[in-house]
C-alpha atoms as a PDB file:
ATOM      1  CA  MET A   1     -30.027 -30.699  10.848  1.00  0.00           C
ATOM      2  CA  ALA A   2     -26.615 -29.436  12.155  1.00  0.00           C
ATOM      3  CA  LYS A   3     -23.351 -31.728  11.546  1.00  0.00           C
ATOM      4  CA  GLN A   4     -22.025 -33.481  14.329  1.00  0.00           C
ATOM      5  CA  PHE A   5     -18.183 -32.516  15.130  1.00  0.00           C
ATOM      6  CA  LYS A   6     -16.305 -35.407  16.574  1.00  0.00           C
ATOM      7  CA  LYS A   7     -13.538 -34.147  19.354  1.00  0.00           C
ATOM      8  CA  SER A   8     -10.362 -34.647  17.221  1.00  0.00           C
ATOM      9  CA  ASP A   9     -12.017 -31.990  14.339  1.00  0.00           C
ATOM     10  CA  ASN A  10     -12.348 -29.948  16.921  1.00  0.00           C
ATOM     11  CA  TYR A  11      -9.022 -29.960  18.304  1.00  0.00           C
ATOM     12  CA  SER A  12      -7.681 -29.909  14.781  1.00  0.00           C
ATOM     13  CA  GLY A  13      -9.171 -26.850  13.942  1.00  0.00           C
ATOM     14  CA  GLN A  14      -7.906 -25.270  16.989  1.00  0.00           C
ATOM     15  CA  GLY A  15      -4.362 -26.226  16.162  1.00  0.00           C
ATOM     16  CA  LEU A  16      -4.981 -24.583  13.041  1.00  0.00           C
ATOM     17  CA  LEU A  17      -5.759 -21.336  14.646  1.00  0.00           C
ATOM     18  CA  TRP A  18      -2.884 -21.123  16.854  1.00  0.00           C
ATOM     19  CA  LEU A  19      -0.521 -21.981  13.896  1.00  0.00           C
ATOM     20  CA  PHE A  20      -1.490 -19.457  10.969  1.00  0.00           C
ATOM     21  CA  GLY A  21      -1.689 -17.363  14.231  1.00  0.00           C
ATOM     22  CA  ALA A  22       1.835 -17.350  15.264  1.00  0.00           C
ATOM     23  CA  ILE A  23       2.442 -17.574  11.094  1.00  0.00           C
ATOM     24  CA  LEU A  24       1.156 -14.503  11.070  1.00  0.00           C
ATOM     25  CA  VAL A  25       2.445 -13.014  13.754  1.00  0.00           C
ATOM     26  CA  ILE A  26       6.094 -13.558  12.847  1.00  0.00           C
ATOM     27  CA  GLN A  27       5.776 -12.617   8.791  1.00  0.00           C
ATOM     28  CA  GLY A  28       3.960  -9.787   9.727  1.00  0.00           C
ATOM     29  CA  PHE A  29       5.766  -8.210  12.460  1.00  0.00           C
ATOM     30  CA  GLY A  30       9.268  -9.871  11.711  1.00  0.00           C
ATOM     31  CA  SER A  31       9.030  -8.564   8.325  1.00  0.00           C
ATOM     32  CA  ALA A  32       8.176  -5.203   9.488  1.00  0.00           C
ATOM     33  CA  LEU A  33      11.159  -5.244  12.358  1.00  0.00           C
ATOM     34  CA  THR A  34      13.792  -6.248   9.525  1.00  0.00           C
ATOM     35  CA  GLU A  35      13.033  -4.071   7.036  1.00  0.00           C
ATOM     36  CA  ALA A  36      12.771  -0.749   9.344  1.00  0.00           C
ATOM     37  CA  ARG A  37      16.035  -1.943  11.179  1.00  0.00           C
ATOM     38  CA  TRP A  38      17.710  -3.530   7.922  1.00  0.00           C
ATOM     39  CA  ASP A  39      16.272  -1.905   5.019  1.00  0.00           C
ATOM     40  CA  THR A  40      15.586  -5.553   3.915  1.00  0.00           C
ATOM     41  CA  SER A  41      12.443  -7.114   2.421  1.00  0.00           C
ATOM     42  CA  PHE A  42      11.911 -10.332   2.769  1.00  0.00           C
ATOM     43  CA  GLY A  43       8.609 -13.105   3.324  1.00  0.00           C
ATOM     44  CA  VAL A  44       5.425 -11.376   3.524  1.00  0.00           C
ATOM     45  CA  ALA A  45       6.968  -7.870   2.927  1.00  0.00           C
ATOM     46  CA  GLY A  46       8.631  -8.656   0.254  1.00  0.00           C
ATOM     47  CA  LEU A  47       5.709 -10.006  -1.619  1.00  0.00           C
ATOM     48  CA  LEU A  48       3.735  -6.993  -0.342  1.00  0.00           C
ATOM     49  CA  ARG A  49       6.147  -4.445  -1.529  1.00  0.00           C
ATOM     50  CA  ALA A  50       6.030  -6.489  -5.113  1.00  0.00           C
ATOM     51  CA  ALA A  51       2.029  -5.619  -4.663  1.00  0.00           C
ATOM     52  CA  HIS A  52       2.762  -2.001  -3.973  1.00  0.00           C
ATOM     53  CA  VAL A  53       1.219  -2.093  -0.573  1.00  0.00           C
ATOM     54  CA  PRO A  54       2.684   0.166   1.578  1.00  0.00           C
ATOM     55  CA  GLU A  55       4.450  -0.239   4.441  1.00  0.00           C
ATOM     56  CA  TRP A  56       1.815  -0.573   7.124  1.00  0.00           C
ATOM     57  CA  GLY A  57       0.672  -3.742   5.151  1.00  0.00           C
ATOM     58  CA  THR A  58       3.047  -6.275   7.254  1.00  0.00           C
ATOM     59  CA  LEU A  59       1.527  -4.777  10.205  1.00  0.00           C
ATOM     60  CA  LEU A  60      -1.721  -5.246   9.476  1.00  0.00           C
ATOM     61  CA  VAL A  61      -0.831  -8.860   8.721  1.00  0.00           C
ATOM     62  CA  GLY A  62       0.870  -9.177  12.482  1.00  0.00           C
ATOM     63  CA  CYS A  63      -2.278  -7.767  13.774  1.00  0.00           C
ATOM     64  CA  ALA A  64      -4.089 -10.264  11.869  1.00  0.00           C
ATOM     65  CA  GLY A  65      -2.072 -13.000  13.510  1.00  0.00           C
ATOM     66  CA  VAL A  66      -2.549 -11.294  16.620  1.00  0.00           C
ATOM     67  CA  GLY A  67      -6.574 -11.628  16.421  1.00  0.00           C
ATOM     68  CA  LEU A  68      -5.995 -15.247  15.225  1.00  0.00           C
ATOM     69  CA  LEU A  69      -3.864 -15.752  18.436  1.00  0.00           C
ATOM     70  CA  ALA A  70      -6.511 -14.292  20.663  1.00  0.00           C
ATOM     71  CA  ALA A  71      -9.578 -16.402  18.760  1.00  0.00           C
ATOM     72  CA  ALA A  72      -7.512 -19.550  19.750  1.00  0.00           C
ATOM     73  CA  ALA A  73      -6.954 -18.499  23.501  1.00  0.00           C
ATOM     74  CA  HIS A  74     -10.757 -17.724  23.491  1.00  0.00           C
ATOM     75  CA  ARG A  75     -12.020 -20.829  21.544  1.00  0.00           C
ATOM     76  CA  HIS A  76      -9.233 -23.103  24.282  1.00  0.00           C
ATOM     77  CA  GLN A  77     -10.656 -21.224  26.885  1.00  0.00           C
ATOM     78  CA  ALA A  78     -14.640 -21.994  26.572  1.00  0.00           C
ATOM     79  CA  SER A  79     -13.481 -25.424  25.984  1.00  0.00           C
ATOM     80  CA  ARG A  80     -12.169 -25.995  29.063  1.00  0.00           C
ATOM     81  CA  GLN A  81     -14.523 -24.387  31.017  1.00  0.00           C
ATOM     82  CA  ALA A  82     -17.016 -26.562  29.304  1.00  0.00           C
ATOM     83  CA  HIS A  83     -14.995 -29.685  30.070  1.00  0.00           C
ATOM     84  CA  ARG A  84     -15.123 -28.672  34.182  1.00  0.00           C
ATOM     85  CA  ARG A  85     -18.775 -27.894  34.162  1.00  0.00           C
ATOM     86  CA  PRO A  86     -20.618 -31.482  35.237  1.00  0.00           C
END
């Protein structure tokens, strides 16, 4: 038997996708840009450098954020279409 989710459960999950997507985009691409422009590591870039991850690792973090934002946008669009149907 499938678990039934309340409407608020769907919205909180949706909000978390938007939030984590935005955080990963900002940290990933922002860290890569800051490191390339000013030769300074902070946030995700600093942690990845300490773990001996190559410089392109921060770009992967940013791309993961873009993927989460795309998933959130897809779910948002699907829920809007579901509410419009009679």
